[in-house]
PDB file of N, CA and C in Angstrom:
ATOM      1  N   UNK A   1       4.716 -15.723 -16.371  1.00  0.00           N
ATOM      2  CA  UNK A   1       4.514 -15.984 -14.966  1.00  0.00           C
ATOM      3  C   UNK A   1       3.517 -17.131 -14.813  1.00  0.00           C
ATOM      4  N   UNK A   2       3.741 -17.914 -13.821  1.00  0.00           N
ATOM      5  CA  UNK A   2       2.896 -19.063 -13.566  1.00  0.00           C
ATOM      6  C   UNK A   2       1.461 -18.604 -13.255  1.00  0.00           C
ATOM      7  N   UNK A   3       0.498 -19.279 -13.854  1.00  0.00           N
ATOM      8  CA  UNK A   3      -0.908 -18.909 -13.678  1.00  0.00           C
ATOM      9  C   UNK A   3      -1.338 -19.105 -12.230  1.00  0.00           C
ATOM     10  N   UNK A   4      -0.836 -20.154 -11.585  1.00  0.00           N
ATOM     11  CA  UNK A   4      -1.191 -20.410 -10.191  1.00  0.00           C
ATOM     12  C   UNK A   4      -0.677 -19.301  -9.284  1.00  0.00           C
ATOM     13  N   UNK A   5       0.551 -18.841  -9.541  1.00  0.00           N
ATOM     14  CA  UNK A   5       1.121 -17.755  -8.748  1.00  0.00           C
ATOM     15  C   UNK A   5       0.327 -16.468  -8.944  1.00  0.00           C
ATOM     16  N   UNK A   6      -0.061 -16.197 -10.180  1.00  0.00           N
ATOM     17  CA  UNK A   6      -0.859 -15.001 -10.460  1.00  0.00           C
ATOM     18  C   UNK A   6      -2.210 -15.063  -9.755  1.00  0.00           C
ATOM     19  N   UNK A   7      -2.834 -16.238  -9.758  1.00  0.00           N
ATOM     20  CA  UNK A   7      -4.125 -16.394  -9.079  1.00  0.00           C
ATOM     21  C   UNK A   7      -3.962 -16.211  -7.573  1.00  0.00           C
ATOM     22  N   UNK A   8      -2.895 -16.746  -7.008  1.00  0.00           N
ATOM     23  CA  UNK A   8      -2.652 -16.606  -5.576  1.00  0.00           C
ATOM     24  C   UNK A   8      -2.411 -15.138  -5.212  1.00  0.00           C
ATOM     25  N   UNK A   9      -1.732 -14.408  -6.075  1.00  0.00           N
ATOM     26  CA  UNK A   9      -1.504 -12.976  -5.822  1.00  0.00           C
ATOM     27  C   UNK A   9      -2.820 -12.209  -5.828  1.00  0.00           C
ATOM     28  N   UNK A  10      -3.687 -12.519  -6.754  1.00  0.00           N
ATOM     29  CA  UNK A  10      -4.976 -11.822  -6.812  1.00  0.00           C
ATOM     30  C   UNK A  10      -5.836 -12.152  -5.595  1.00  0.00           C
ATOM     31  N   UNK A  11      -5.813 -13.400  -5.149  1.00  0.00           N
ATOM     32  CA  UNK A  11      -6.570 -13.768  -3.953  1.00  0.00           C
ATOM     33  C   UNK A  11      -5.994 -13.063  -2.733  1.00  0.00           C
ATOM     34  N   UNK A  12      -4.686 -13.015  -2.632  1.00  0.00           N
ATOM     35  CA  UNK A  12      -4.046 -12.326  -1.512  1.00  0.00           C
ATOM     36  C   UNK A  12      -4.339 -10.844  -1.499  1.00  0.00           C
ATOM     37  N   UNK A  13      -4.324 -10.223  -2.669  1.00  0.00           N
ATOM     38  CA  UNK A  13      -4.635  -8.797  -2.753  1.00  0.00           C
ATOM     39  C   UNK A  13      -6.091  -8.543  -2.369  1.00  0.00           C
ATOM     40  N   UNK A  14      -6.977  -9.421  -2.764  1.00  0.00           N
ATOM     41  CA  UNK A  14      -8.381  -9.281  -2.377  1.00  0.00           C
ATOM     42  C   UNK A  14      -8.568  -9.409  -0.878  1.00  0.00           C
ATOM     43  N   UNK A  15      -7.845 -10.337  -0.273  1.00  0.00           N
ATOM     44  CA  UNK A  15      -7.930 -10.500   1.185  1.00  0.00           C
ATOM     45  C   UNK A  15      -7.350  -9.291   1.915  1.00  0.00           C
ATOM     46  N   UNK A  16      -6.331  -8.671   1.325  1.00  0.00           N
ATOM     47  CA  UNK A  16      -5.721  -7.500   1.957  1.00  0.00           C
ATOM     48  C   UNK A  16      -6.664  -6.303   1.959  1.00  0.00           C
ATOM     49  N   UNK A  17      -7.612  -6.272   1.064  1.00  0.00           N
ATOM     50  CA  UNK A  17      -8.541  -5.140   1.003  1.00  0.00           C
ATOM     51  C   UNK A  17      -9.758  -5.315   1.919  1.00  0.00           C
ATOM     52  N   UNK A  18      -9.824  -6.417   2.642  1.00  0.00           N
ATOM     53  CA  UNK A  18     -10.940  -6.622   3.572  1.00  0.00           C
ATOM     54  C   UNK A  18     -10.935  -5.543   4.652  1.00  0.00           C
ATOM     55  N   UNK A  19      -9.748  -5.047   4.993  1.00  0.00           N
ATOM     56  CA  UNK A  19      -9.651  -3.995   5.998  1.00  0.00           C
ATOM     57  C   UNK A  19     -10.388  -2.727   5.619  1.00  0.00           C
ATOM     58  N   UNK A  20     -10.668  -2.541   4.340  1.00  0.00           N
ATOM     59  CA  UNK A  20     -11.373  -1.336   3.903  1.00  0.00           C
ATOM     60  C   UNK A  20     -12.819  -1.318   4.397  1.00  0.00           C
ATOM     61  N   UNK A  21     -13.390  -2.466   4.642  1.00  0.00           N
ATOM     62  CA  UNK A  21     -14.761  -2.498   5.190  1.00  0.00           C
ATOM     63  C   UNK A  21     -14.773  -1.923   6.597  1.00  0.00           C
ATOM     64  N   UNK A  22     -13.762  -2.271   7.375  1.00  0.00           N
ATOM     65  CA  UNK A  22     -13.658  -1.722   8.719  1.00  0.00           C
ATOM     66  C   UNK A  22     -13.398  -0.238   8.721  1.00  0.00           C
ATOM     67  N   UNK A  23     -12.646   0.213   7.741  1.00  0.00           N
ATOM     68  CA  UNK A  23     -12.361   1.647   7.642  1.00  0.00           C
ATOM     69  C   UNK A  23     -13.634   2.424   7.335  1.00  0.00           C
ATOM     70  N   UNK A  24     -14.447   1.917   6.443  1.00  0.00           N
ATOM     71  CA  UNK A  24     -15.714   2.581   6.141  1.00  0.00           C
ATOM     72  C   UNK A  24     -16.611   2.661   7.362  1.00  0.00           C
ATOM     73  N   UNK A  25     -16.644   1.608   8.130  1.00  0.00           N
ATOM     74  CA  UNK A  25     -17.420   1.610   9.364  1.00  0.00           C
ATOM     75  C   UNK A  25     -16.859   2.611  10.360  1.00  0.00           C
ATOM     76  N   UNK A  26     -15.529   2.631  10.476  1.00  0.00           N
ATOM     77  CA  UNK A  26     -14.884   3.546  11.415  1.00  0.00           C
ATOM     78  C   UNK A  26     -15.126   4.999  11.084  1.00  0.00           C
ATOM     79  N   UNK A  27     -15.072   5.339   9.807  1.00  0.00           N
ATOM     80  CA  UNK A  27     -15.313   6.724   9.400  1.00  0.00           C
ATOM     81  C   UNK A  27     -16.759   7.107   9.689  1.00  0.00           C
ATOM     82  N   UNK A  28     -17.679   6.185   9.458  1.00  0.00           N
ATOM     83  CA  UNK A  28     -19.079   6.456   9.793  1.00  0.00           C
ATOM     84  C   UNK A  28     -19.281   6.687  11.275  1.00  0.00           C
ATOM     85  N   UNK A  29     -18.590   5.919  12.099  1.00  0.00           N
ATOM     86  CA  UNK A  29     -18.697   6.088  13.543  1.00  0.00           C
ATOM     87  C   UNK A  29     -18.123   7.430  13.975  1.00  0.00           C
ATOM     88  N   UNK A  30     -16.983   7.815  13.393  1.00  0.00           N
ATOM     89  CA  UNK A  30     -16.345   9.088  13.756  1.00  0.00           C
ATOM     90  C   UNK A  30     -17.274  10.262  13.466  1.00  0.00           C
ATOM     91  N   UNK A  31     -17.825  10.308  12.269  1.00  0.00           N
ATOM     92  CA  UNK A  31     -18.676  11.443  11.919  1.00  0.00           C
ATOM     93  C   UNK A  31     -20.050  11.371  12.588  1.00  0.00           C
ATOM     94  N   UNK A  32     -20.540  10.164  12.840  1.00  0.00           N
ATOM     95  CA  UNK A  32     -21.780  10.030  13.605  1.00  0.00           C
ATOM     96  C   UNK A  32     -21.610  10.542  15.031  1.00  0.00           C
ATOM     97  N   UNK A  33     -20.446  10.270  15.600  1.00  0.00           N
ATOM     98  CA  UNK A  33     -20.163  10.779  16.948  1.00  0.00           C
ATOM     99  C   UNK A  33     -20.031  12.296  16.953  1.00  0.00           C
ATOM    100  N   UNK A  34     -19.492  12.850  15.872  1.00  0.00           N
ATOM    101  CA  UNK A  34     -19.407  14.319  15.768  1.00  0.00           C
ATOM    102  C   UNK A  34     -20.805  14.932  15.794  1.00  0.00           C
ATOM    103  N   UNK A  35     -21.703  14.378  15.032  1.00  0.00           N
ATOM    104  CA  UNK A  35     -23.056  14.918  14.975  1.00  0.00           C
ATOM    105  C   UNK A  35     -23.744  14.809  16.337  1.00  0.00           C
ATOM    106  N   UNK A  36     -23.580  13.663  16.994  1.00  0.00           N
ATOM    107  CA  UNK A  36     -24.181  13.475  18.319  1.00  0.00           C
ATOM    108  C   UNK A  36     -23.593  14.449  19.334  1.00  0.00           C
ATOM    109  N   UNK A  37     -22.274  14.590  19.312  1.00  0.00           N
ATOM    110  CA  UNK A  37     -21.609  15.484  20.269  1.00  0.00           C
ATOM    111  C   UNK A  37     -21.974  16.941  20.023  1.00  0.00           C
ATOM    112  N   UNK A  38     -22.054  17.322  18.761  1.00  0.00           N
ATOM    113  CA  UNK A  38     -22.418  18.700  18.440  1.00  0.00           C
ATOM    114  C   UNK A  38     -23.859  18.992  18.849  1.00  0.00           C
ATOM    115  N   UNK A  39     -24.728  18.004  18.703  1.00  0.00           N
ATOM    116  CA  UNK A  39     -26.123  18.199  19.114  1.00  0.00           C
ATOM    117  C   UNK A  39     -26.241  18.362  20.621  1.00  0.00           C
ATOM    118  N   UNK A  40     -25.370  17.719  21.367  1.00  0.00           N
ATOM    119  CA  UNK A  40     -25.419  17.827  22.828  1.00  0.00           C
ATOM    120  C   UNK A  40     -24.806  19.128  23.338  1.00  0.00           C
ATOM    121  N   UNK A  41     -23.719  19.587  22.681  1.00  0.00           N
ATOM    122  CA  UNK A  41     -23.029  20.778  23.171  1.00  0.00           C
ATOM    123  C   UNK A  41     -22.475  21.579  21.987  1.00  0.00           C
ATOM    124  N   UNK A  42     -23.279  22.437  21.384  1.00  0.00           N
ATOM    125  CA  UNK A  42     -22.839  23.193  20.204  1.00  0.00           C
ATOM    126  C   UNK A  42     -21.684  24.162  20.473  1.00  0.00           C
ATOM    127  N   UNK A  43     -21.463  24.534  21.723  1.00  0.00           N
ATOM    128  CA  UNK A  43     -20.404  25.504  22.005  1.00  0.00           C
ATOM    129  C   UNK A  43     -19.005  24.903  21.826  1.00  0.00           C
ATOM    130  N   UNK A  44     -18.890  23.597  21.736  1.00  0.00           N
ATOM    131  CA  UNK A  44     -17.587  22.940  21.558  1.00  0.00           C
ATOM    132  C   UNK A  44     -17.301  22.598  20.101  1.00  0.00           C
ATOM    133  N   UNK A  45     -17.916  23.322  19.183  1.00  0.00           N
ATOM    134  CA  UNK A  45     -17.817  22.993  17.759  1.00  0.00           C
ATOM    135  C   UNK A  45     -16.377  22.882  17.280  1.00  0.00           C
ATOM    136  N   UNK A  46     -15.544  23.862  17.583  1.00  0.00           N
ATOM    137  CA  UNK A  46     -14.163  23.859  17.105  1.00  0.00           C
ATOM    138  C   UNK A  46     -13.346  22.704  17.651  1.00  0.00           C
ATOM    139  N   UNK A  47     -13.468  22.443  18.935  1.00  0.00           N
ATOM    140  CA  UNK A  47     -12.710  21.360  19.555  1.00  0.00           C
ATOM    141  C   UNK A  47     -13.189  20.000  19.045  1.00  0.00           C
ATOM    142  N   UNK A  48     -14.497  19.846  18.897  1.00  0.00           N
ATOM    143  CA  UNK A  48     -15.036  18.587  18.390  1.00  0.00           C
ATOM    144  C   UNK A  48     -14.569  18.329  16.956  1.00  0.00           C
ATOM    145  N   UNK A  49     -14.544  19.389  16.149  1.00  0.00           N
ATOM    146  CA  UNK A  49     -14.134  19.215  14.758  1.00  0.00           C
ATOM    147  C   UNK A  49     -12.662  18.837  14.674  1.00  0.00           C
ATOM    148  N   UNK A  50     -11.842  19.399  15.558  1.00  0.00           N
ATOM    149  CA  UNK A  50     -10.419  19.063  15.576  1.00  0.00           C
ATOM    150  C   UNK A  50     -10.230  17.579  15.896  1.00  0.00           C
ATOM    151  N   UNK A  51     -10.917  17.103  16.921  1.00  0.00           N
ATOM    152  CA  UNK A  51     -10.817  15.690  17.283  1.00  0.00           C
ATOM    153  C   UNK A  51     -11.378  14.789  16.180  1.00  0.00           C
ATOM    154  N   UNK A  52     -12.405  15.262  15.514  1.00  0.00           N
ATOM    155  CA  UNK A  52     -12.987  14.479  14.422  1.00  0.00           C
ATOM    156  C   UNK A  52     -12.006  14.331  13.273  1.00  0.00           C
ATOM    157  N   UNK A  53     -11.327  15.411  12.917  1.00  0.00           N
ATOM    158  CA  UNK A  53     -10.356  15.328  11.827  1.00  0.00           C
ATOM    159  C   UNK A  53      -9.177  14.431  12.197  1.00  0.00           C
ATOM    160  N   UNK A  54      -8.778  14.443  13.460  1.00  0.00           N
ATOM    161  CA  UNK A  54      -7.723  13.544  13.914  1.00  0.00           C
ATOM    162  C   UNK A  54      -8.179  12.089  13.804  1.00  0.00           C
ATOM    163  N   UNK A  55      -9.381  11.804  14.247  1.00  0.00           N
ATOM    164  CA  UNK A  55      -9.921  10.449  14.140  1.00  0.00           C
ATOM    165  C   UNK A  55     -10.082  10.007  12.700  1.00  0.00           C
ATOM    166  N   UNK A  56     -10.520  10.925  11.847  1.00  0.00           N
ATOM    167  CA  UNK A  56     -10.665  10.605  10.427  1.00  0.00           C
ATOM    168  C   UNK A  56      -9.316  10.295   9.800  1.00  0.00           C
ATOM    169  N   UNK A  57      -8.301  11.096  10.111  1.00  0.00           N
ATOM    170  CA  UNK A  57      -6.972  10.892   9.529  1.00  0.00           C
ATOM    171  C   UNK A  57      -6.373   9.562   9.974  1.00  0.00           C
ATOM    172  N   UNK A  58      -6.523   9.232  11.238  1.00  0.00           N
ATOM    173  CA  UNK A  58      -5.975   7.969  11.726  1.00  0.00           C
ATOM    174  C   UNK A  58      -6.721   6.773  11.129  1.00  0.00           C
ATOM    175  N   UNK A  59      -8.016   6.901  10.966  1.00  0.00           N
ATOM    176  CA  UNK A  59      -8.798   5.823  10.357  1.00  0.00           C
ATOM    177  C   UNK A  59      -8.458   5.674   8.881  1.00  0.00           C
ATOM    178  N   UNK A  60      -8.282   6.784   8.206  1.00  0.00           N
ATOM    179  CA  UNK A  60      -7.948   6.755   6.783  1.00  0.00           C
ATOM    180  C   UNK A  60      -6.547   6.191   6.560  1.00  0.00           C
ATOM    181  N   UNK A  61      -5.661   6.365   7.513  1.00  0.00           N
ATOM    182  CA  UNK A  61      -4.308   5.805   7.390  1.00  0.00           C
ATOM    183  C   UNK A  61      -4.362   4.284   7.306  1.00  0.00           C
ATOM    184  N   UNK A  62      -5.290   3.679   8.035  1.00  0.00           N
ATOM    185  CA  UNK A  62      -5.443   2.225   7.974  1.00  0.00           C
ATOM    186  C   UNK A  62      -5.841   1.799   6.562  1.00  0.00           C
ATOM    187  N   UNK A  63      -6.699   2.576   5.915  1.00  0.00           N
ATOM    188  CA  UNK A  63      -7.102   2.258   4.543  1.00  0.00           C
ATOM    189  C   UNK A  63      -5.910   2.345   3.595  1.00  0.00           C
ATOM    190  N   UNK A  64      -5.087   3.354   3.778  1.00  0.00           N
ATOM    191  CA  UNK A  64      -3.920   3.492   2.911  1.00  0.00           C
ATOM    192  C   UNK A  64      -2.944   2.340   3.111  1.00  0.00           C
ATOM    193  N   UNK A  65      -2.772   1.894   4.355  1.00  0.00           N
ATOM    194  CA  UNK A  65      -1.899   0.746   4.613  1.00  0.00           C
ATOM    195  C   UNK A  65      -2.456  -0.522   3.969  1.00  0.00           C
ATOM    196  N   UNK A  66      -3.766  -0.714   4.045  1.00  0.00           N
ATOM    197  CA  UNK A  66      -4.383  -1.899   3.439  1.00  0.00           C
ATOM    198  C   UNK A  66      -4.217  -1.881   1.917  1.00  0.00           C
ATOM    199  N   UNK A  67      -4.422  -0.724   1.299  1.00  0.00           N
ATOM    200  CA  UNK A  67      -4.239  -0.636  -0.151  1.00  0.00           C
ATOM    201  C   UNK A  67      -2.780  -0.819  -0.543  1.00  0.00           C
ATOM    202  N   UNK A  68      -1.868  -0.292   0.264  1.00  0.00           N
ATOM    203  CA  UNK A  68      -0.447  -0.460  -0.023  1.00  0.00           C
ATOM    204  C   UNK A  68      -0.080  -1.942   0.008  1.00  0.00           C
ATOM    205  N   UNK A  69      -0.586  -2.662   0.981  1.00  0.00           N
ATOM    206  CA  UNK A  69      -0.301  -4.106   1.062  1.00  0.00           C
ATOM    207  C   UNK A  69      -0.882  -4.843  -0.145  1.00  0.00           C
ATOM    208  N   UNK A  70      -2.088  -4.453  -0.546  1.00  0.00           N
ATOM    209  CA  UNK A  70      -2.697  -5.107  -1.708  1.00  0.00           C
ATOM    210  C   UNK A  70      -1.865  -4.866  -2.961  1.00  0.00           C
ATOM    211  N   UNK A  71      -1.398  -3.638  -3.161  1.00  0.00           N
ATOM    212  CA  UNK A  71      -0.579  -3.353  -4.344  1.00  0.00           C
ATOM    213  C   UNK A  71       0.777  -4.030  -4.272  1.00  0.00           C
ATOM    214  N   UNK A  72       1.363  -4.116  -3.089  1.00  0.00           N
ATOM    215  CA  UNK A  72       2.638  -4.834  -2.950  1.00  0.00           C
ATOM    216  C   UNK A  72       2.470  -6.314  -3.272  1.00  0.00           C
ATOM    217  N   UNK A  73       1.376  -6.897  -2.831  1.00  0.00           N
ATOM    218  CA  UNK A  73       1.123  -8.305  -3.123  1.00  0.00           C
ATOM    219  C   UNK A  73       0.928  -8.509  -4.623  1.00  0.00           C
ATOM    220  N   UNK A  74       0.162  -7.617  -5.260  1.00  0.00           N
ATOM    221  CA  UNK A  74      -0.143  -7.784  -6.677  1.00  0.00           C
ATOM    222  C   UNK A  74       1.051  -7.568  -7.589  1.00  0.00           C
ATOM    223  N   UNK A  75       1.874  -6.566  -7.303  1.00  0.00           N
ATOM    224  CA  UNK A  75       2.879  -6.147  -8.273  1.00  0.00           C
ATOM    225  C   UNK A  75       4.311  -6.505  -7.903  1.00  0.00           C
ATOM    226  N   UNK A  76       4.489  -7.388  -6.921  1.00  0.00           N
ATOM    227  CA  UNK A  76       5.856  -7.835  -6.629  1.00  0.00           C
ATOM    228  C   UNK A  76       5.967  -9.321  -6.841  1.00  0.00           C
TER     229      UNK A  76
END
């Protein structure tokens, strides 16, 4: 395989993983909001946790999409 093409694939895969920085920030915001909300109203613990897990799952899906794109770029 051409060395230039291989280098371009690695650069592209690295750029595709930039989205993971946003995902880390998003997960921190989700759980930070859980702690703040629970401190304000402890009686809503179950409902808050449900919404938190939904937010975590949706945020984590973005990370999986970013990694999938990076692997597709690298190995195709």
